[in-house]
Amino acid sequence: MAELKGVAATIPNENILINTLVLQEAKDSSAIENIITTNDELFRAELFEEFAGPAQKEVQNYARALRYGFAEARRHGLLTNHLILEIQEILESNRAGFRRLPGTTIQNQQTGEVVHTPPQDYDTIVRLMTNLEKIINDDESWPVDWLIKMAVLHVQFESIHPFYDGNGRTGRILNILYLVNKDLLRLPILYLSRYIIRTKSDYYRLLQRVRDHEDWEAWVLYMLDGVEQTARETIVTINQIKTLMLDYKHRIRDQFPKMYSQDLLNNLFRHPYTKIEFVMKDLQVSRPTASNYLSKLSQSGFLKTQTRGQQLLYQPAPARNFYPQTLTLM
């Protein structure tokens, strides 16, 4: 975790990592709930709203909720029930709040068997969530290692199941925000949903064993293994981004010294696609200047062009070689 935090700090613009990794976390966290989209569909939806179908909008909501939660948690230094409610509101695009009606159960996705019945009445849910809020923010009353505490808090939140919808995704956002809140991470880039997808049966099995048999050790070890694997994989990804950015920096600066700037480099790596309007905004240049920059980079092999309707998109030329682990363009 410390190495991941340090490596992340070497990327000159934090939005490069936030935009890239948060979108992937959003995609895979949503896939756990059977909300499926491809990277290419998601990237197009980020650029053009008309390409955003129901699945893409769900993933975009997750990314928005995570970014909002990160900004608020970093600004206030707390993870409150008010923020949890706001995160779920963004995810679900409604203001239903904590559950008020009975009847909610958690079922086995394959068999339909009821495996857990969470608290049913509103007052109990509020009381339990108030207690959870205290435990999240008060380290003196329960001085446990923060990674272990994250694993325990996740079980508590998912077992309270405070919302009608969006509990799983809200809980996974809270995992990341908790690590940021405790300064184990500076950015919300620990990509745990990919690990959960790979081990989905173990995730649900071990979560249920805690509820049924209080088998905390197996659950905590599972989560710690996920943190370690995910941190290692994210370190590799960030180093790949850093290597490619340095390569582009030196080559663009050598070939186009008057055109090169750090803002231009950052723009090329904030998303797998860029376009004239993005360059105009990020570099504060006119449309002809932005068009000229992208045209020269394309002609020199730095970028590939792609047409979407009336729009010309630009993509780093080595993207298909660089992004296979996390950002394969489908």
C-alpha atoms as a PDB file:
ATOM      1  CA  MET A   1       0.000   0.000   0.000  1.00  0.00           C
ATOM      2  CA  ALA A   2       2.833   2.375   0.853  1.00  0.00           C
ATOM      3  CA  GLU A   3       4.538   1.589  -2.451  1.00  0.00           C
ATOM      4  CA  LEU A   4       1.278   2.178  -4.343  1.00  0.00           C
ATOM      5  CA  LYS A   5       0.780   5.516  -2.606  1.00  0.00           C
ATOM      6  CA  GLY A   6       4.337   6.544  -3.496  1.00  0.00           C
ATOM      7  CA  VAL A   7       4.144   5.417  -7.124  1.00  0.00           C
ATOM      8  CA  ALA A   8       0.845   7.238  -7.616  1.00  0.00           C
ATOM      9  CA  ALA A   9       2.492  10.468  -6.487  1.00  0.00           C
ATOM     10  CA  THR A  10       4.964  10.255  -9.396  1.00  0.00           C
ATOM     11  CA  ILE A  11       2.233  10.867 -11.993  1.00  0.00           C
ATOM     12  CA  PRO A  12       2.232  14.641 -12.602  1.00  0.00           C
ATOM     13  CA  ASN A  13      -1.540  15.044 -12.849  1.00  0.00           C
ATOM     14  CA  GLU A  14      -3.693  13.043 -10.422  1.00  0.00           C
ATOM     15  CA  ASN A  15      -6.682  13.240 -12.782  1.00  0.00           C
ATOM     16  CA  ILE A  16      -4.900  10.875 -15.170  1.00  0.00           C
ATOM     17  CA  LEU A  17      -5.119   8.111 -12.576  1.00  0.00           C
ATOM     18  CA  ILE A  18      -8.495   9.140 -11.208  1.00  0.00           C
ATOM     19  CA  ASN A  19     -10.112   9.215 -14.651  1.00  0.00           C
ATOM     20  CA  THR A  20      -8.462   6.008 -15.819  1.00  0.00           C
ATOM     21  CA  LEU A  21      -8.681   3.750 -12.770  1.00  0.00           C
ATOM     22  CA  VAL A  22     -11.926   5.066 -11.294  1.00  0.00           C
ATOM     23  CA  LEU A  23     -13.719   4.365 -14.567  1.00  0.00           C
ATOM     24  CA  GLN A  24     -12.401   0.796 -14.537  1.00  0.00           C
ATOM     25  CA  GLU A  25     -13.369   0.315 -10.891  1.00  0.00           C
ATOM     26  CA  ALA A  26     -16.819   1.629 -11.770  1.00  0.00           C
ATOM     27  CA  LYS A  27     -17.110  -0.788 -14.684  1.00  0.00           C
ATOM     28  CA  ASP A  28     -16.106  -3.867 -12.686  1.00  0.00           C
ATOM     29  CA  SER A  29     -18.002  -2.952  -9.524  1.00  0.00           C
ATOM     30  CA  SER A  30     -21.121  -2.577 -11.661  1.00  0.00           C
ATOM     31  CA  ALA A  31     -20.386  -5.899 -13.378  1.00  0.00           C
ATOM     32  CA  ILE A  32     -20.583  -7.622  -9.982  1.00  0.00           C
ATOM     33  CA  GLU A  33     -24.233  -6.502  -9.984  1.00  0.00           C
ATOM     34  CA  ASN A  34     -24.654  -7.811 -13.563  1.00  0.00           C
ATOM     35  CA  ILE A  35     -24.490  -4.329 -15.100  1.00  0.00           C
ATOM     36  CA  ILE A  36     -22.321  -5.121 -18.104  1.00  0.00           C
ATOM     37  CA  THR A  37     -20.636  -2.813 -20.611  1.00  0.00           C
ATOM     38  CA  THR A  38     -17.430  -2.799 -22.629  1.00  0.00           C
ATOM     39  CA  ASN A  39     -14.597  -0.329 -22.284  1.00  0.00           C
ATOM     40  CA  ASP A  40     -15.206   1.072 -25.751  1.00  0.00           C
ATOM     41  CA  GLU A  41     -18.913   1.634 -25.066  1.00  0.00           C
ATOM     42  CA  LEU A  42     -18.011   3.296 -21.793  1.00  0.00           C
ATOM     43  CA  PHE A  43     -15.389   5.591 -23.309  1.00  0.00           C
ATOM     44  CA  ARG A  44     -17.760   6.620 -26.086  1.00  0.00           C
ATOM     45  CA  ALA A  45     -20.458   7.357 -23.537  1.00  0.00           C
ATOM     46  CA  GLU A  46     -17.997   9.547 -21.625  1.00  0.00           C
ATOM     47  CA  LEU A  47     -17.422  11.568 -24.796  1.00  0.00           C
ATOM     48  CA  PHE A  48     -20.926  11.587 -26.270  1.00  0.00           C
ATOM     49  CA  GLU A  49     -24.106  11.335 -24.222  1.00  0.00           C
ATOM     50  CA  GLU A  50     -26.042   9.875 -27.135  1.00  0.00           C
ATOM     51  CA  PHE A  51     -23.884   6.730 -26.894  1.00  0.00           C
ATOM     52  CA  ALA A  52     -24.829   6.214 -23.228  1.00  0.00           C
ATOM     53  CA  GLY A  53     -27.271   3.328 -22.826  1.00  0.00           C
ATOM     54  CA  PRO A  54     -28.678   2.144 -19.474  1.00  0.00           C
ATOM     55  CA  ALA A  55     -25.579   0.119 -18.534  1.00  0.00           C
ATOM     56  CA  GLN A  56     -23.190   2.940 -19.432  1.00  0.00           C
ATOM     57  CA  LYS A  57     -25.251   5.419 -17.402  1.00  0.00           C
ATOM     58  CA  GLU A  58     -25.143   3.095 -14.395  1.00  0.00           C
ATOM     59  CA  VAL A  59     -21.355   2.868 -14.628  1.00  0.00           C
ATOM     60  CA  GLN A  60     -21.057   6.621 -15.113  1.00  0.00           C
ATOM     61  CA  ASN A  61     -23.163   7.141 -11.987  1.00  0.00           C
ATOM     62  CA  TYR A  62     -20.784   4.896 -10.053  1.00  0.00           C
ATOM     63  CA  ALA A  63     -17.761   6.849 -11.267  1.00  0.00           C
ATOM     64  CA  ARG A  64     -19.488  10.138 -10.376  1.00  0.00           C
ATOM     65  CA  ALA A  65     -20.381   8.840  -6.929  1.00  0.00           C
ATOM     66  CA  LEU A  66     -16.832   7.680  -6.262  1.00  0.00           C
ATOM     67  CA  ARG A  67     -15.310  10.959  -7.440  1.00  0.00           C
ATOM     68  CA  TYR A  68     -17.817  12.957  -5.391  1.00  0.00           C
ATOM     69  CA  GLY A  69     -17.247  10.829  -2.297  1.00  0.00           C
ATOM     70  CA  PHE A  70     -13.488  11.185  -2.692  1.00  0.00           C
ATOM     71  CA  ALA A  71     -13.669  14.966  -2.999  1.00  0.00           C
ATOM     72  CA  GLU A  72     -15.964  15.289   0.029  1.00  0.00           C
ATOM     73  CA  ALA A  73     -14.035  12.833   2.205  1.00  0.00           C
ATOM     74  CA  ARG A  74     -10.753  14.573   1.383  1.00  0.00           C
ATOM     75  CA  ARG A  75     -12.291  17.982   2.086  1.00  0.00           C
ATOM     76  CA  HIS A  76     -13.894  17.086   5.436  1.00  0.00           C
ATOM     77  CA  GLY A  77     -11.719  14.208   6.634  1.00  0.00           C
ATOM     78  CA  LEU A  78     -14.803  12.206   7.668  1.00  0.00           C
ATOM     79  CA  LEU A  79     -17.052   9.488   6.294  1.00  0.00           C
ATOM     80  CA  THR A  80     -20.516  10.381   7.557  1.00  0.00           C
ATOM     81  CA  ASN A  81     -23.962   8.914   7.022  1.00  0.00           C
ATOM     82  CA  HIS A  82     -24.853  12.105   5.198  1.00  0.00           C
ATOM     83  CA  LEU A  83     -22.075  11.398   2.673  1.00  0.00           C
ATOM     84  CA  ILE A  84     -23.078   7.723   2.406  1.00  0.00           C
ATOM     85  CA  LEU A  85     -26.627   8.810   1.607  1.00  0.00           C
ATOM     86  CA  GLU A  86     -25.336  11.254  -1.023  1.00  0.00           C
ATOM     87  CA  ILE A  87     -23.198   8.548  -2.641  1.00  0.00           C
ATOM     88  CA  GLN A  88     -26.158   6.172  -2.878  1.00  0.00           C
ATOM     89  CA  GLU A  89     -28.337   8.980  -4.235  1.00  0.00           C
ATOM     90  CA  ILE A  90     -25.871   9.570  -7.084  1.00  0.00           C
ATOM     91  CA  LEU A  91     -25.628   5.834  -7.763  1.00  0.00           C
ATOM     92  CA  GLU A  92     -29.371   5.272  -7.969  1.00  0.00           C
ATOM     93  CA  SER A  93     -30.487   8.731  -9.170  1.00  0.00           C
ATOM     94  CA  ASN A  94     -33.112   8.905  -6.445  1.00  0.00           C
ATOM     95  CA  ARG A  95     -33.509  10.109  -2.869  1.00  0.00           C
ATOM     96  CA  ALA A  96     -35.083   7.030  -1.341  1.00  0.00           C
ATOM     97  CA  GLY A  97     -32.662   7.130   1.605  1.00  0.00           C
ATOM     98  CA  PHE A  98     -32.525   4.374   4.213  1.00  0.00           C
ATOM     99  CA  ARG A  99     -35.114   1.613   3.877  1.00  0.00           C
ATOM    100  CA  ARG A 100     -38.465   2.351   5.534  1.00  0.00           C
ATOM    101  CA  LEU A 101     -40.528  -0.631   4.324  1.00  0.00           C
ATOM    102  CA  PRO A 102     -40.010  -4.244   5.485  1.00  0.00           C
ATOM    103  CA  GLY A 103     -39.547  -7.193   3.154  1.00  0.00           C
ATOM    104  CA  THR A 104     -35.909  -6.867   2.051  1.00  0.00           C
ATOM    105  CA  THR A 105     -33.899 -10.120   1.985  1.00  0.00           C
ATOM    106  CA  ILE A 106     -30.548 -11.168   0.537  1.00  0.00           C
ATOM    107  CA  GLN A 107     -30.763 -14.230  -1.684  1.00  0.00           C
ATOM    108  CA  ASN A 108     -28.336 -16.671  -3.237  1.00  0.00           C
ATOM    109  CA  GLN A 109     -28.030 -15.485  -6.843  1.00  0.00           C
ATOM    110  CA  GLN A 110     -28.003 -19.044  -8.215  1.00  0.00           C
ATOM    111  CA  THR A 111     -30.629 -20.792  -6.071  1.00  0.00           C
ATOM    112  CA  GLY A 112     -32.841 -17.930  -4.906  1.00  0.00           C
ATOM    113  CA  GLU A 113     -32.494 -19.161  -1.305  1.00  0.00           C
ATOM    114  CA  VAL A 114     -32.716 -16.448   1.362  1.00  0.00           C
ATOM    115  CA  VAL A 115     -29.277 -16.358   3.005  1.00  0.00           C
ATOM    116  CA  HIS A 116     -29.646 -13.232   5.137  1.00  0.00           C
ATOM    117  CA  THR A 117     -32.475 -11.087   6.425  1.00  0.00           C
ATOM    118  CA  PRO A 118     -31.167  -7.612   7.272  1.00  0.00           C
ATOM    119  CA  PRO A 119     -32.818  -5.283   9.823  1.00  0.00           C
ATOM    120  CA  GLN A 120     -36.345  -4.522   8.683  1.00  0.00           C
ATOM    121  CA  ASP A 121     -37.462  -1.375  10.519  1.00  0.00           C
ATOM    122  CA  TYR A 122     -36.222   2.131   9.830  1.00  0.00           C
ATOM    123  CA  ASP A 123     -35.305   3.028  13.426  1.00  0.00           C
ATOM    124  CA  THR A 124     -33.057  -0.028  13.757  1.00  0.00           C
ATOM    125  CA  ILE A 125     -31.332   0.741  10.460  1.00  0.00           C
ATOM    126  CA  VAL A 126     -30.692   4.337  11.540  1.00  0.00           C
ATOM    127  CA  ARG A 127     -29.344   3.183  14.915  1.00  0.00           C
ATOM    128  CA  LEU A 128     -26.996   0.652  13.335  1.00  0.00           C
ATOM    129  CA  MET A 129     -25.789   3.103  10.698  1.00  0.00           C
ATOM    130  CA  THR A 130     -25.162   5.728  13.386  1.00  0.00           C
ATOM    131  CA  ASN A 131     -23.055   3.179  15.250  1.00  0.00           C
ATOM    132  CA  LEU A 132     -21.229   2.292  12.032  1.00  0.00           C
ATOM    133  CA  GLU A 133     -20.509   5.966  11.371  1.00  0.00           C
ATOM    134  CA  LYS A 134     -18.970   6.278  14.842  1.00  0.00           C
ATOM    135  CA  ILE A 135     -16.765   3.220  14.368  1.00  0.00           C
ATOM    136  CA  ILE A 136     -15.599   4.452  10.948  1.00  0.00           C
ATOM    137  CA  ASN A 137     -14.449   7.812  12.287  1.00  0.00           C
ATOM    138  CA  ASP A 138     -13.432   6.985  15.873  1.00  0.00           C
ATOM    139  CA  ASP A 139     -10.135   5.096  16.087  1.00  0.00           C
ATOM    140  CA  GLU A 140      -9.794   5.427  19.854  1.00  0.00           C
ATOM    141  CA  SER A 141     -12.814   3.301  20.794  1.00  0.00           C
ATOM    142  CA  TRP A 142     -11.688   0.430  18.526  1.00  0.00           C
ATOM    143  CA  PRO A 143      -7.937   0.718  17.774  1.00  0.00           C
ATOM    144  CA  VAL A 144      -7.593  -1.950  15.085  1.00  0.00           C
ATOM    145  CA  ASP A 145      -5.295  -1.996  12.053  1.00  0.00           C
ATOM    146  CA  TRP A 146      -7.071   0.025   9.377  1.00  0.00           C
ATOM    147  CA  LEU A 147      -6.996  -2.696   6.713  1.00  0.00           C
ATOM    148  CA  ILE A 148      -8.560  -5.185   9.107  1.00  0.00           C
ATOM    149  CA  LYS A 149     -11.074  -2.568  10.155  1.00  0.00           C
ATOM    150  CA  MET A 150     -12.012  -1.936   6.500  1.00  0.00           C
ATOM    151  CA  ALA A 151     -12.758  -5.651   6.078  1.00  0.00           C
ATOM    152  CA  VAL A 152     -14.915  -5.702   9.217  1.00  0.00           C
ATOM    153  CA  LEU A 153     -16.758  -2.503   8.319  1.00  0.00           C
ATOM    154  CA  HIS A 154     -17.587  -3.931   4.885  1.00  0.00           C
ATOM    155  CA  VAL A 155     -19.336  -6.927   6.477  1.00  0.00           C
ATOM    156  CA  GLN A 156     -21.221  -4.638   8.831  1.00  0.00           C
ATOM    157  CA  PHE A 157     -22.423  -2.336   6.073  1.00  0.00           C
ATOM    158  CA  GLU A 158     -23.446  -5.122   3.710  1.00  0.00           C
ATOM    159  CA  SER A 159     -25.258  -6.947   6.524  1.00  0.00           C
ATOM    160  CA  ILE A 160     -27.183  -3.839   7.586  1.00  0.00           C
ATOM    161  CA  HIS A 161     -28.059  -3.451   3.892  1.00  0.00           C
ATOM    162  CA  PRO A 162     -29.495   0.015   4.565  1.00  0.00           C
ATOM    163  CA  PHE A 163     -30.789   0.828   1.081  1.00  0.00           C
ATOM    164  CA  TYR A 164     -33.364  -0.663  -1.254  1.00  0.00           C
ATOM    165  CA  ASP A 165     -30.760  -0.711  -4.061  1.00  0.00           C
ATOM    166  CA  GLY A 166     -27.065   0.024  -4.508  1.00  0.00           C
ATOM    167  CA  ASN A 167     -25.780  -1.514  -1.270  1.00  0.00           C
ATOM    168  CA  GLY A 168     -22.998  -3.530  -2.901  1.00  0.00           C
ATOM    169  CA  ARG A 169     -21.690  -0.655  -4.966  1.00  0.00           C
ATOM    170  CA  THR A 170     -21.982   1.824  -2.097  1.00  0.00           C
ATOM    171  CA  GLY A 171     -20.090  -0.594   0.158  1.00  0.00           C
ATOM    172  CA  ARG A 172     -17.274  -0.989  -2.355  1.00  0.00           C
ATOM    173  CA  ILE A 173     -16.971   2.790  -2.694  1.00  0.00           C
ATOM    174  CA  LEU A 174     -16.751   3.042   1.101  1.00  0.00           C
ATOM    175  CA  ASN A 175     -13.856   0.558   1.098  1.00  0.00           C
ATOM    176  CA  ILE A 176     -11.800   2.870  -1.099  1.00  0.00           C
ATOM    177  CA  LEU A 177     -12.834   6.055   0.671  1.00  0.00           C
ATOM    178  CA  TYR A 178     -11.960   4.554   4.050  1.00  0.00           C
ATOM    179  CA  LEU A 179      -8.402   3.833   2.893  1.00  0.00           C
ATOM    180  CA  VAL A 180      -8.091   7.382   1.561  1.00  0.00           C
ATOM    181  CA  ASN A 181      -9.590   8.767   4.769  1.00  0.00           C
ATOM    182  CA  LYS A 182      -6.932   6.935   6.809  1.00  0.00           C
ATOM    183  CA  ASP A 183      -4.186   8.184   4.462  1.00  0.00           C
ATOM    184  CA  LEU A 184      -3.232   4.690   3.334  1.00  0.00           C
ATOM    185  CA  LEU A 185      -3.965   6.001  -0.155  1.00  0.00           C
ATOM    186  CA  ARG A 186      -3.806   9.539  -1.491  1.00  0.00           C
ATOM    187  CA  LEU A 187      -6.097   8.776  -4.433  1.00  0.00           C
ATOM    188  CA  PRO A 188      -9.059   6.367  -4.802  1.00  0.00           C
ATOM    189  CA  ILE A 189      -7.182   3.953  -7.044  1.00  0.00           C
ATOM    190  CA  LEU A 190      -7.190   0.591  -5.262  1.00  0.00           C
ATOM    191  CA  TYR A 191      -9.049  -1.422  -7.851  1.00  0.00           C
ATOM    192  CA  LEU A 192     -10.688  -4.068  -5.579  1.00  0.00           C
ATOM    193  CA  SER A 193     -13.697  -4.874  -7.766  1.00  0.00           C
ATOM    194  CA  ARG A 194     -11.554  -6.756 -10.280  1.00  0.00           C
ATOM    195  CA  TYR A 195     -10.326  -9.027  -7.460  1.00  0.00           C
ATOM    196  CA  ILE A 196     -13.902  -9.573  -6.265  1.00  0.00           C
ATOM    197  CA  ILE A 197     -15.031 -10.484  -9.793  1.00  0.00           C
ATOM    198  CA  ARG A 198     -12.210 -13.044 -10.084  1.00  0.00           C
ATOM    199  CA  THR A 199     -13.135 -14.542  -6.706  1.00  0.00           C
ATOM    200  CA  LYS A 200     -16.852 -13.814  -6.652  1.00  0.00           C
ATOM    201  CA  SER A 201     -17.907 -17.173  -5.201  1.00  0.00           C
ATOM    202  CA  ASP A 202     -15.338 -16.851  -2.397  1.00  0.00           C
ATOM    203  CA  TYR A 203     -16.481 -13.286  -1.694  1.00  0.00           C
ATOM    204  CA  TYR A 204     -20.100 -14.279  -1.111  1.00  0.00           C
ATOM    205  CA  ARG A 205     -19.222 -17.570   0.619  1.00  0.00           C
ATOM    206  CA  LEU A 206     -16.849 -15.995   3.136  1.00  0.00           C
ATOM    207  CA  LEU A 207     -19.151 -13.039   3.730  1.00  0.00           C
ATOM    208  CA  GLN A 208     -21.931 -15.473   4.591  1.00  0.00           C
ATOM    209  CA  ARG A 209     -19.668 -17.548   6.851  1.00  0.00           C
ATOM    210  CA  VAL A 210     -19.120 -14.483   8.983  1.00  0.00           C
ATOM    211  CA  ARG A 211     -22.889 -14.050   9.332  1.00  0.00           C
ATOM    212  CA  ASP A 212     -23.559 -17.726  10.006  1.00  0.00           C
ATOM    213  CA  HIS A 213     -20.462 -18.835  11.952  1.00  0.00           C
ATOM    214  CA  GLU A 214     -18.559 -15.629  12.870  1.00  0.00           C
ATOM    215  CA  ASP A 215     -15.605 -16.877  10.822  1.00  0.00           C
ATOM    216  CA  TRP A 216     -13.864 -13.501  10.764  1.00  0.00           C
ATOM    217  CA  GLU A 217     -10.345 -14.791  10.202  1.00  0.00           C
ATOM    218  CA  ALA A 218     -11.017 -16.335   6.784  1.00  0.00           C
ATOM    219  CA  TRP A 219     -12.866 -13.183   5.672  1.00  0.00           C
ATOM    220  CA  VAL A 220     -10.159 -10.789   6.843  1.00  0.00           C
ATOM    221  CA  LEU A 221      -7.419 -12.867   5.183  1.00  0.00           C
ATOM    222  CA  TYR A 222      -9.431 -12.916   1.962  1.00  0.00           C
ATOM    223  CA  MET A 223      -9.742  -9.126   1.979  1.00  0.00           C
ATOM    224  CA  LEU A 224      -6.078  -8.590   2.873  1.00  0.00           C
ATOM    225  CA  ASP A 225      -5.071 -10.872   0.014  1.00  0.00           C
ATOM    226  CA  GLY A 226      -7.277  -8.784  -2.271  1.00  0.00           C
ATOM    227  CA  VAL A 227      -5.641  -5.564  -1.109  1.00  0.00           C
ATOM    228  CA  GLU A 228      -2.166  -7.003  -1.703  1.00  0.00           C
ATOM    229  CA  GLN A 229      -2.945  -8.429  -5.156  1.00  0.00           C
ATOM    230  CA  THR A 230      -4.756  -5.291  -6.248  1.00  0.00           C
ATOM    231  CA  ALA A 231      -2.022  -2.975  -4.981  1.00  0.00           C
ATOM    232  CA  ARG A 232       0.649  -4.939  -6.859  1.00  0.00           C
ATOM    233  CA  GLU A 233      -1.361  -4.916 -10.088  1.00  0.00           C
ATOM    234  CA  THR A 234      -2.096  -1.196  -9.768  1.00  0.00           C
ATOM    235  CA  ILE A 235       1.594  -0.431  -9.191  1.00  0.00           C
ATOM    236  CA  VAL A 236       2.400  -2.225 -12.461  1.00  0.00           C
ATOM    237  CA  THR A 237      -0.319  -0.283 -14.300  1.00  0.00           C
ATOM    238  CA  ILE A 238       0.843   3.086 -12.943  1.00  0.00           C
ATOM    239  CA  ASN A 239       4.447   2.316 -13.854  1.00  0.00           C
ATOM    240  CA  GLN A 240       3.304   1.454 -17.379  1.00  0.00           C
ATOM    241  CA  ILE A 241       1.459   4.765 -17.600  1.00  0.00           C
ATOM    242  CA  LYS A 242       4.524   6.597 -16.283  1.00  0.00           C
ATOM    243  CA  THR A 243       6.858   4.866 -18.761  1.00  0.00           C
ATOM    244  CA  LEU A 244       4.642   5.635 -21.720  1.00  0.00           C
ATOM    245  CA  MET A 245       4.169   9.247 -20.629  1.00  0.00           C
ATOM    246  CA  LEU A 246       7.930   9.734 -20.366  1.00  0.00           C
ATOM    247  CA  ASP A 247       8.420   8.216 -23.805  1.00  0.00           C
ATOM    248  CA  TYR A 248       5.818  10.556 -25.288  1.00  0.00           C
ATOM    249  CA  LYS A 249       7.244  13.512 -23.389  1.00  0.00           C
ATOM    250  CA  HIS A 250      10.759  13.094 -24.771  1.00  0.00           C
ATOM    251  CA  ARG A 251       9.712  12.311 -28.338  1.00  0.00           C
ATOM    252  CA  ILE A 252       7.110  15.085 -28.627  1.00  0.00           C
ATOM    253  CA  ARG A 253       9.486  17.607 -27.054  1.00  0.00           C
ATOM    254  CA  ASP A 254      12.240  16.604 -29.487  1.00  0.00           C
ATOM    255  CA  GLN A 255      10.024  16.760 -32.582  1.00  0.00           C
ATOM    256  CA  PHE A 256       7.743  19.650 -31.602  1.00  0.00           C
ATOM    257  CA  PRO A 257       9.538  21.787 -28.989  1.00  0.00           C
ATOM    258  CA  LYS A 258       7.296  24.807 -29.554  1.00  0.00           C
ATOM    259  CA  MET A 259       4.127  22.748 -29.313  1.00  0.00           C
ATOM    260  CA  TYR A 260       5.078  20.590 -26.334  1.00  0.00           C
ATOM    261  CA  SER A 261       3.718  21.338 -22.865  1.00  0.00           C
ATOM    262  CA  GLN A 262       2.918  19.292 -19.783  1.00  0.00           C
ATOM    263  CA  ASP A 263      -0.738  20.228 -20.247  1.00  0.00           C
ATOM    264  CA  LEU A 264      -0.699  18.685 -23.725  1.00  0.00           C
ATOM    265  CA  LEU A 265       0.864  15.489 -22.390  1.00  0.00           C
ATOM    266  CA  ASN A 266      -1.670  15.299 -19.567  1.00  0.00           C
ATOM    267  CA  ASN A 267      -4.499  15.752 -22.048  1.00  0.00           C
ATOM    268  CA  LEU A 268      -3.359  12.809 -24.154  1.00  0.00           C
ATOM    269  CA  PHE A 269      -3.411  10.466 -21.157  1.00  0.00           C
ATOM    270  CA  ARG A 270      -6.515  11.535 -19.269  1.00  0.00           C
ATOM    271  CA  HIS A 271      -8.625   9.208 -21.441  1.00  0.00           C
ATOM    272  CA  PRO A 272      -7.859   6.680 -24.166  1.00  0.00           C
ATOM    273  CA  TYR A 273      -9.567   9.186 -26.502  1.00  0.00           C
ATOM    274  CA  THR A 274      -9.123  12.923 -26.825  1.00  0.00           C
ATOM    275  CA  LYS A 275     -10.688  15.456 -29.187  1.00  0.00           C
ATOM    276  CA  ILE A 276     -10.268  19.052 -30.301  1.00  0.00           C
ATOM    277  CA  GLU A 277     -12.609  20.436 -27.643  1.00  0.00           C
ATOM    278  CA  PHE A 278     -10.631  18.746 -24.853  1.00  0.00           C
ATOM    279  CA  VAL A 279      -7.362  20.230 -26.092  1.00  0.00           C
ATOM    280  CA  MET A 280      -8.940  23.674 -26.413  1.00  0.00           C
ATOM    281  CA  LYS A 281     -10.178  23.515 -22.825  1.00  0.00           C
ATOM    282  CA  ASP A 282      -7.086  21.981 -21.197  1.00  0.00           C
ATOM    283  CA  LEU A 283      -4.510  24.099 -23.047  1.00  0.00           C
ATOM    284  CA  GLN A 284      -6.600  27.265 -23.346  1.00  0.00           C
ATOM    285  CA  VAL A 285      -5.919  27.497 -27.087  1.00  0.00           C
ATOM    286  CA  SER A 286      -8.082  28.297 -30.105  1.00  0.00           C
ATOM    287  CA  ARG A 287      -9.806  25.646 -32.182  1.00  0.00           C
ATOM    288  CA  PRO A 288      -7.375  26.013 -35.139  1.00  0.00           C
ATOM    289  CA  THR A 289      -4.398  25.643 -32.773  1.00  0.00           C
ATOM    290  CA  ALA A 290      -5.867  22.566 -31.079  1.00  0.00           C
ATOM    291  CA  SER A 291      -6.693  21.034 -34.457  1.00  0.00           C
ATOM    292  CA  ASN A 292      -3.170  21.754 -35.681  1.00  0.00           C
ATOM    293  CA  TYR A 293      -1.595  20.107 -32.640  1.00  0.00           C
ATOM    294  CA  LEU A 294      -3.649  16.931 -32.984  1.00  0.00           C
ATOM    295  CA  SER A 295      -3.101  16.786 -36.736  1.00  0.00           C
ATOM    296  CA  LYS A 296       0.676  17.004 -36.351  1.00  0.00           C
ATOM    297  CA  LEU A 297       0.722  14.349 -33.622  1.00  0.00           C
ATOM    298  CA  SER A 298      -1.423  12.100 -35.772  1.00  0.00           C
ATOM    299  CA  GLN A 299       0.748  12.556 -38.866  1.00  0.00           C
ATOM    300  CA  SER A 300       3.856  11.794 -36.789  1.00  0.00           C
ATOM    301  CA  GLY A 301       2.451   8.528 -35.441  1.00  0.00           C
ATOM    302  CA  PHE A 302       1.761   9.607 -31.866  1.00  0.00           C
ATOM    303  CA  LEU A 303      -1.990   9.390 -32.326  1.00  0.00           C
ATOM    304  CA  LYS A 304      -4.469   7.346 -34.309  1.00  0.00           C
ATOM    305  CA  THR A 305      -7.654   8.922 -35.591  1.00  0.00           C
ATOM    306  CA  GLN A 306     -11.144   7.516 -35.467  1.00  0.00           C
ATOM    307  CA  THR A 307     -14.426   8.992 -36.685  1.00  0.00           C
ATOM    308  CA  ARG A 308     -17.584   8.822 -34.573  1.00  0.00           C
ATOM    309  CA  GLY A 309     -20.431  10.433 -36.467  1.00  0.00           C
ATOM    310  CA  GLN A 310     -19.241  13.957 -37.290  1.00  0.00           C
ATOM    311  CA  GLN A 311     -16.574  13.880 -34.575  1.00  0.00           C
ATOM    312  CA  LEU A 312     -12.883  13.081 -35.069  1.00  0.00           C
ATOM    313  CA  LEU A 313     -11.329  11.298 -32.086  1.00  0.00           C
ATOM    314  CA  TYR A 314      -7.650  10.836 -31.320  1.00  0.00           C
ATOM    315  CA  GLN A 315      -6.090   7.940 -29.460  1.00  0.00           C
ATOM    316  CA  PRO A 316      -2.455   7.329 -28.378  1.00  0.00           C
ATOM    317  CA  ALA A 317      -0.984   5.069 -31.061  1.00  0.00           C
ATOM    318  CA  PRO A 318       0.448   2.439 -28.677  1.00  0.00           C
ATOM    319  CA  ALA A 319      -2.768   2.249 -26.673  1.00  0.00           C
ATOM    320  CA  ARG A 320      -3.625  -1.313 -27.733  1.00  0.00           C
ATOM    321  CA  ASN A 321      -0.200  -2.492 -26.572  1.00  0.00           C
ATOM    322  CA  PHE A 322      -0.257  -0.431 -23.405  1.00  0.00           C
ATOM    323  CA  TYR A 323      -3.755  -0.945 -22.027  1.00  0.00           C
ATOM    324  CA  PRO A 324      -4.348  -4.717 -22.315  1.00  0.00           C
ATOM    325  CA  GLN A 325      -4.582  -5.390 -18.566  1.00  0.00           C
ATOM    326  CA  THR A 326      -6.949  -2.607 -17.559  1.00  0.00           C
ATOM    327  CA  LEU A 327      -8.122  -0.641 -20.560  1.00  0.00           C
ATOM    328  CA  THR A 328      -8.458  -2.969 -23.503  1.00  0.00           C
ATOM    329  CA  LEU A 329     -10.553  -1.265 -26.150  1.00  0.00           C
ATOM    330  CA  MET A 330     -13.200  -3.778 -27.159  1.00  0.00           C
END
